[in-house]
Amino acid sequence: DRGKFEKQAMEALGAREVPLDDRGLGMKFHDLVDPVLGRERADNLLEGLWRLDELDNISSLLDSTVR
């Protein structure tokens, strides 16, 4: 048994001081959103969020956040 290493972080993963790439951000999103909306709805929401600047109307995207 080699013991357990723990590190305390003062900033959340994804904060300016601890940036995430797109893949890491997607993983963090799913960690937080999947338990609430389910994987399929979270996938659809994330896809819409990545394309936010292409949308003419975000009402359906906002509607998808409601359980």
PDB file of N, CA and C in Angstrom:
ATOM      1  N   ASP A   1       0.849  -1.183   0.000  1.00  0.00           N
ATOM      2  CA  ASP A   1       0.000   0.000   0.000  1.00  0.00           C
ATOM      3  C   ASP A   1       0.885   1.234   0.000  1.00  0.00           C
ATOM      4  N   ARG A   2       0.754   2.056  -1.000  1.00  0.00           N
ATOM      5  CA  ARG A   2       1.622   3.222  -1.141  1.00  0.00           C
ATOM      6  C   ARG A   2       0.998   4.484  -0.558  1.00  0.00           C
ATOM      7  N   GLY A   3      -0.177   4.385  -0.028  1.00  0.00           N
ATOM      8  CA  GLY A   3      -0.809   5.567   0.549  1.00  0.00           C
ATOM      9  C   GLY A   3      -1.689   6.269  -0.465  1.00  0.00           C
ATOM     10  N   LYS A   4      -2.204   7.378  -0.053  1.00  0.00           N
ATOM     11  CA  LYS A   4      -3.126   8.133  -0.894  1.00  0.00           C
ATOM     12  C   LYS A   4      -2.616   9.562  -1.020  1.00  0.00           C
ATOM     13  N   PHE A   5      -2.589  10.068  -2.234  1.00  0.00           N
ATOM     14  CA  PHE A   5      -2.162  11.433  -2.479  1.00  0.00           C
ATOM     15  C   PHE A   5      -3.387  12.305  -2.670  1.00  0.00           C
ATOM     16  N   GLU A   6      -3.467  13.380  -1.939  1.00  0.00           N
ATOM     17  CA  GLU A   6      -4.568  14.320  -2.093  1.00  0.00           C
ATOM     18  C   GLU A   6      -3.996  15.701  -2.338  1.00  0.00           C
ATOM     19  N   LYS A   7      -4.690  16.446  -3.171  1.00  0.00           N
ATOM     20  CA  LYS A   7      -4.275  17.815  -3.468  1.00  0.00           C
ATOM     21  C   LYS A   7      -5.494  18.719  -3.320  1.00  0.00           C
ATOM     22  N   GLN A   8      -5.337  19.758  -2.586  1.00  0.00           N
ATOM     23  CA  GLN A   8      -6.426  20.716  -2.433  1.00  0.00           C
ATOM     24  C   GLN A   8      -6.230  21.822  -3.459  1.00  0.00           C
ATOM     25  N   ALA A   9      -7.271  22.097  -4.218  1.00  0.00           N
ATOM     26  CA  ALA A   9      -7.210  23.133  -5.242  1.00  0.00           C
ATOM     27  C   ALA A   9      -8.025  24.332  -4.779  1.00  0.00           C
ATOM     28  N   MET A  10      -7.473  25.496  -4.935  1.00  0.00           N
ATOM     29  CA  MET A  10      -8.166  26.710  -4.535  1.00  0.00           C
ATOM     30  C   MET A  10      -9.123  27.201  -5.625  1.00  0.00           C
ATOM     31  N   GLU A  11      -8.899  26.765  -6.858  1.00  0.00           N
ATOM     32  CA  GLU A  11      -9.740  27.186  -7.979  1.00  0.00           C
ATOM     33  C   GLU A  11     -10.387  25.959  -8.611  1.00  0.00           C
ATOM     34  N   ALA A  12     -11.587  26.132  -9.118  1.00  0.00           N
ATOM     35  CA  ALA A  12     -12.305  25.039  -9.772  1.00  0.00           C
ATOM     36  C   ALA A  12     -11.687  24.738 -11.126  1.00  0.00           C
ATOM     37  N   LEU A  13     -11.733  23.484 -11.516  1.00  0.00           N
ATOM     38  CA  LEU A  13     -11.275  23.074 -12.821  1.00  0.00           C
ATOM     39  C   LEU A  13     -12.102  23.796 -13.871  1.00  0.00           C
ATOM     40  N   GLY A  14     -11.438  24.502 -14.753  1.00  0.00           N
ATOM     41  CA  GLY A  14     -12.117  25.298 -15.759  1.00  0.00           C
ATOM     42  C   GLY A  14     -12.069  26.784 -15.467  1.00  0.00           C
ATOM     43  N   ALA A  15     -11.620  27.144 -14.274  1.00  0.00           N
ATOM     44  CA  ALA A  15     -11.451  28.562 -13.942  1.00  0.00           C
ATOM     45  C   ALA A  15     -10.280  29.131 -14.753  1.00  0.00           C
ATOM     46  N   ARG A  16     -10.185  30.429 -14.817  1.00  0.00           N
ATOM     47  CA  ARG A  16      -9.118  31.077 -15.580  1.00  0.00           C
ATOM     48  C   ARG A  16      -7.740  30.565 -15.161  1.00  0.00           C
ATOM     49  N   GLU A  17      -7.566  30.285 -13.893  1.00  0.00           N
ATOM     50  CA  GLU A  17      -6.277  29.826 -13.388  1.00  0.00           C
ATOM     51  C   GLU A  17      -6.017  28.354 -13.714  1.00  0.00           C
ATOM     52  N   VAL A  18      -7.080  27.600 -13.992  1.00  0.00           N
ATOM     53  CA  VAL A  18      -6.964  26.166 -14.287  1.00  0.00           C
ATOM     54  C   VAL A  18      -7.826  25.879 -15.528  1.00  0.00           C
ATOM     55  N   PRO A  19      -7.389  26.347 -16.699  1.00  0.00           N
ATOM     56  CA  PRO A  19      -8.237  26.239 -17.892  1.00  0.00           C
ATOM     57  C   PRO A  19      -8.417  24.807 -18.375  1.00  0.00           C
ATOM     58  N   LEU A  20      -9.506  24.601 -19.096  1.00  0.00           N
ATOM     59  CA  LEU A  20      -9.810  23.312 -19.708  1.00  0.00           C
ATOM     60  C   LEU A  20      -9.849  23.473 -21.221  1.00  0.00           C
ATOM     61  N   ASP A  21      -9.469  22.425 -21.947  1.00  0.00           N
ATOM     62  CA  ASP A  21      -9.688  22.430 -23.387  1.00  0.00           C
ATOM     63  C   ASP A  21     -11.141  22.034 -23.640  1.00  0.00           C
ATOM     64  N   ASP A  22     -11.563  22.033 -24.898  1.00  0.00           N
ATOM     65  CA  ASP A  22     -12.961  21.737 -25.218  1.00  0.00           C
ATOM     66  C   ASP A  22     -13.374  20.353 -24.731  1.00  0.00           C
ATOM     67  N   ARG A  23     -12.499  19.372 -24.876  1.00  0.00           N
ATOM     68  CA  ARG A  23     -12.824  18.009 -24.434  1.00  0.00           C
ATOM     69  C   ARG A  23     -13.018  17.978 -22.915  1.00  0.00           C
ATOM     70  N   GLY A  24     -12.122  18.609 -22.184  1.00  0.00           N
ATOM     71  CA  GLY A  24     -12.234  18.645 -20.729  1.00  0.00           C
ATOM     72  C   GLY A  24     -13.470  19.385 -20.269  1.00  0.00           C
ATOM     73  N   LEU A  25     -13.790  20.466 -20.983  1.00  0.00           N
ATOM     74  CA  LEU A  25     -14.983  21.231 -20.640  1.00  0.00           C
ATOM     75  C   LEU A  25     -16.240  20.393 -20.886  1.00  0.00           C
ATOM     76  N   GLY A  26     -16.254  19.643 -21.978  1.00  0.00           N
ATOM     77  CA  GLY A  26     -17.383  18.760 -22.255  1.00  0.00           C
ATOM     78  C   GLY A  26     -17.532  17.690 -21.193  1.00  0.00           C
ATOM     79  N   MET A  27     -16.416  17.132 -20.744  1.00  0.00           N
ATOM     80  CA  MET A  27     -16.462  16.113 -19.700  1.00  0.00           C
ATOM     81  C   MET A  27     -17.000  16.694 -18.390  1.00  0.00           C
ATOM     82  N   LYS A  28     -16.548  17.904 -18.047  1.00  0.00           N
ATOM     83  CA  LYS A  28     -17.031  18.542 -16.825  1.00  0.00           C
ATOM     84  C   LYS A  28     -18.531  18.843 -16.946  1.00  0.00           C
ATOM     85  N   PHE A  29     -18.949  19.318 -18.117  1.00  0.00           N
ATOM     86  CA  PHE A  29     -20.359  19.577 -18.377  1.00  0.00           C
ATOM     87  C   PHE A  29     -21.179  18.315 -18.125  1.00  0.00           C
ATOM     88  N   HIS A  30     -20.743  17.196 -18.707  1.00  0.00           N
ATOM     89  CA  HIS A  30     -21.483  15.944 -18.551  1.00  0.00           C
ATOM     90  C   HIS A  30     -21.482  15.466 -17.096  1.00  0.00           C
ATOM     91  N   ASP A  31     -20.385  15.647 -16.395  1.00  0.00           N
ATOM     92  CA  ASP A  31     -20.349  15.266 -14.979  1.00  0.00           C
ATOM     93  C   ASP A  31     -21.423  16.001 -14.182  1.00  0.00           C
ATOM     94  N   LEU A  32     -21.658  17.254 -14.528  1.00  0.00           N
ATOM     95  CA  LEU A  32     -22.611  18.072 -13.789  1.00  0.00           C
ATOM     96  C   LEU A  32     -24.046  17.954 -14.296  1.00  0.00           C
ATOM     97  N   VAL A  33     -24.226  17.807 -15.600  1.00  0.00           N
ATOM     98  CA  VAL A  33     -25.556  17.884 -16.202  1.00  0.00           C
ATOM     99  C   VAL A  33     -26.215  16.514 -16.380  1.00  0.00           C
ATOM    100  N   ASP A  34     -25.445  15.483 -16.674  1.00  0.00           N
ATOM    101  CA  ASP A  34     -26.032  14.155 -16.901  1.00  0.00           C
ATOM    102  C   ASP A  34     -26.925  13.688 -15.752  1.00  0.00           C
ATOM    103  N   PRO A  35     -26.521  13.863 -14.501  1.00  0.00           N
ATOM    104  CA  PRO A  35     -27.392  13.400 -13.407  1.00  0.00           C
ATOM    105  C   PRO A  35     -28.739  14.129 -13.351  1.00  0.00           C
ATOM    106  N   VAL A  36     -28.801  15.318 -13.916  1.00  0.00           N
ATOM    107  CA  VAL A  36     -30.035  16.101 -13.868  1.00  0.00           C
ATOM    108  C   VAL A  36     -30.909  15.859 -15.098  1.00  0.00           C
ATOM    109  N   LEU A  37     -30.295  15.920 -16.293  1.00  0.00           N
ATOM    110  CA  LEU A  37     -31.064  15.810 -17.530  1.00  0.00           C
ATOM    111  C   LEU A  37     -30.965  14.453 -18.209  1.00  0.00           C
ATOM    112  N   GLY A  38     -29.996  13.646 -17.838  1.00  0.00           N
ATOM    113  CA  GLY A  38     -29.741  12.393 -18.547  1.00  0.00           C
ATOM    114  C   GLY A  38     -28.750  12.630 -19.676  1.00  0.00           C
ATOM    115  N   ARG A  39     -28.080  11.568 -20.084  1.00  0.00           N
ATOM    116  CA  ARG A  39     -26.994  11.700 -21.056  1.00  0.00           C
ATOM    117  C   ARG A  39     -27.466  12.216 -22.409  1.00  0.00           C
ATOM    118  N   GLU A  40     -28.570  11.685 -22.919  1.00  0.00           N
ATOM    119  CA  GLU A  40     -29.022  12.088 -24.256  1.00  0.00           C
ATOM    120  C   GLU A  40     -29.397  13.571 -24.302  1.00  0.00           C
ATOM    121  N   ARG A  41     -30.158  14.025 -23.327  1.00  0.00           N
ATOM    122  CA  ARG A  41     -30.546  15.443 -23.298  1.00  0.00           C
ATOM    123  C   ARG A  41     -29.331  16.334 -23.066  1.00  0.00           C
ATOM    124  N   ALA A  42     -28.401  15.875 -22.236  1.00  0.00           N
ATOM    125  CA  ALA A  42     -27.176  16.646 -22.011  1.00  0.00           C
ATOM    126  C   ALA A  42     -26.354  16.749 -23.290  1.00  0.00           C
ATOM    127  N   ASP A  43     -26.276  15.647 -24.051  1.00  0.00           N
ATOM    128  CA  ASP A  43     -25.575  15.681 -25.341  1.00  0.00           C
ATOM    129  C   ASP A  43     -26.180  16.719 -26.267  1.00  0.00           C
ATOM    130  N   ASN A  44     -27.513  16.707 -26.354  1.00  0.00           N
ATOM    131  CA  ASN A  44     -28.205  17.659 -27.234  1.00  0.00           C
ATOM    132  C   ASN A  44     -27.995  19.097 -26.770  1.00  0.00           C
ATOM    133  N   LEU A  45     -28.054  19.312 -25.476  1.00  0.00           N
ATOM    134  CA  LEU A  45     -27.844  20.660 -24.945  1.00  0.00           C
ATOM    135  C   LEU A  45     -26.424  21.126 -25.221  1.00  0.00           C
ATOM    136  N   LEU A  46     -25.450  20.281 -24.981  1.00  0.00           N
ATOM    137  CA  LEU A  46     -24.061  20.665 -25.215  1.00  0.00           C
ATOM    138  C   LEU A  46     -23.816  20.970 -26.689  1.00  0.00           C
ATOM    139  N   GLU A  47     -24.390  20.162 -27.559  1.00  0.00           N
ATOM    140  CA  GLU A  47     -24.250  20.421 -28.997  1.00  0.00           C
ATOM    141  C   GLU A  47     -24.804  21.802 -29.342  1.00  0.00           C
ATOM    142  N   GLY A  48     -25.961  22.126 -28.776  1.00  0.00           N
ATOM    143  CA  GLY A  48     -26.550  23.445 -29.013  1.00  0.00           C
ATOM    144  C   GLY A  48     -25.705  24.568 -28.440  1.00  0.00           C
ATOM    145  N   LEU A  49     -25.125  24.332 -27.282  1.00  0.00           N
ATOM    146  CA  LEU A  49     -24.279  25.366 -26.675  1.00  0.00           C
ATOM    147  C   LEU A  49     -23.024  25.614 -27.493  1.00  0.00           C
ATOM    148  N   TRP A  50     -22.445  24.554 -28.063  1.00  0.00           N
ATOM    149  CA  TRP A  50     -21.264  24.736 -28.914  1.00  0.00           C
ATOM    150  C   TRP A  50     -21.612  25.541 -30.159  1.00  0.00           C
ATOM    151  N   ARG A  51     -22.891  25.494 -30.602  1.00  0.00           N
ATOM    152  CA  ARG A  51     -23.323  26.204 -31.811  1.00  0.00           C
ATOM    153  C   ARG A  51     -24.141  27.455 -31.480  1.00  0.00           C
ATOM    154  N   LEU A  52     -24.027  27.948 -30.275  1.00  0.00           N
ATOM    155  CA  LEU A  52     -24.852  29.060 -29.807  1.00  0.00           C
ATOM    156  C   LEU A  52     -24.797  30.263 -30.749  1.00  0.00           C
ATOM    157  N   ASP A  53     -23.630  30.574 -31.267  1.00  0.00           N
ATOM    158  CA  ASP A  53     -23.487  31.744 -32.138  1.00  0.00           C
ATOM    159  C   ASP A  53     -24.154  31.553 -33.499  1.00  0.00           C
ATOM    160  N   GLU A  54     -24.533  30.328 -33.837  1.00  0.00           N
ATOM    161  CA  GLU A  54     -25.193  30.047 -35.111  1.00  0.00           C
ATOM    162  C   GLU A  54     -26.717  30.076 -35.003  1.00  0.00           C
ATOM    163  N   LEU A  55     -27.245  30.108 -33.791  1.00  0.00           N
ATOM    164  CA  LEU A  55     -28.686  30.022 -33.590  1.00  0.00           C
ATOM    165  C   LEU A  55     -29.353  31.383 -33.738  1.00  0.00           C
ATOM    166  N   ASP A  56     -30.480  31.389 -34.437  1.00  0.00           N
ATOM    167  CA  ASP A  56     -31.273  32.617 -34.559  1.00  0.00           C
ATOM    168  C   ASP A  56     -32.142  32.828 -33.332  1.00  0.00           C
ATOM    169  N   ASN A  57     -32.565  31.725 -32.719  1.00  0.00           N
ATOM    170  CA  ASN A  57     -33.463  31.780 -31.580  1.00  0.00           C
ATOM    171  C   ASN A  57     -33.016  30.711 -30.582  1.00  0.00           C
ATOM    172  N   ILE A  58     -32.812  31.103 -29.343  1.00  0.00           N
ATOM    173  CA  ILE A  58     -32.319  30.146 -28.350  1.00  0.00           C
ATOM    174  C   ILE A  58     -33.425  29.590 -27.456  1.00  0.00           C
ATOM    175  N   SER A  59     -34.682  29.885 -27.769  1.00  0.00           N
ATOM    176  CA  SER A  59     -35.767  29.443 -26.887  1.00  0.00           C
ATOM    177  C   SER A  59     -35.829  27.918 -26.782  1.00  0.00           C
ATOM    178  N   SER A  60     -35.636  27.188 -27.885  1.00  0.00           N
ATOM    179  CA  SER A  60     -35.674  25.725 -27.797  1.00  0.00           C
ATOM    180  C   SER A  60     -34.481  25.204 -27.002  1.00  0.00           C
ATOM    181  N   LEU A  61     -33.358  25.875 -27.098  1.00  0.00           N
ATOM    182  CA  LEU A  61     -32.188  25.490 -26.311  1.00  0.00           C
ATOM    183  C   LEU A  61     -32.466  25.707 -24.826  1.00  0.00           C
ATOM    184  N   LEU A  62     -33.066  26.837 -24.492  1.00  0.00           N
ATOM    185  CA  LEU A  62     -33.422  27.101 -23.095  1.00  0.00           C
ATOM    186  C   LEU A  62     -34.470  26.103 -22.603  1.00  0.00           C
ATOM    187  N   ASP A  63     -35.430  25.776 -23.440  1.00  0.00           N
ATOM    188  CA  ASP A  63     -36.458  24.805 -23.067  1.00  0.00           C
ATOM    189  C   ASP A  63     -35.839  23.445 -22.753  1.00  0.00           C
ATOM    190  N   SER A  64     -34.762  23.105 -23.429  1.00  0.00           N
ATOM    191  CA  SER A  64     -34.138  21.796 -23.213  1.00  0.00           C
ATOM    192  C   SER A  64     -33.433  21.694 -21.863  1.00  0.00           C
ATOM    193  N   THR A  65     -33.307  22.805 -21.153  1.00  0.00           N
ATOM    194  CA  THR A  65     -32.657  22.765 -19.837  1.00  0.00           C
ATOM    195  C   THR A  65     -33.649  22.464 -18.713  1.00  0.00           C
ATOM    196  N   VAL A  66     -34.938  22.450 -19.038  1.00  0.00           N
ATOM    197  CA  VAL A  66     -35.978  22.212 -18.036  1.00  0.00           C
ATOM    198  C   VAL A  66     -36.249  20.714 -17.945  1.00  0.00           C
ATOM    199  N   ARG A  67     -36.282  20.218 -16.703  1.00  0.00           N
ATOM    200  CA  ARG A  67     -36.565  18.786 -16.532  1.00  0.00           C
ATOM    201  C   ARG A  67     -37.987  18.465 -16.822  1.00  0.00           C
TER     202      ARG A  67
END
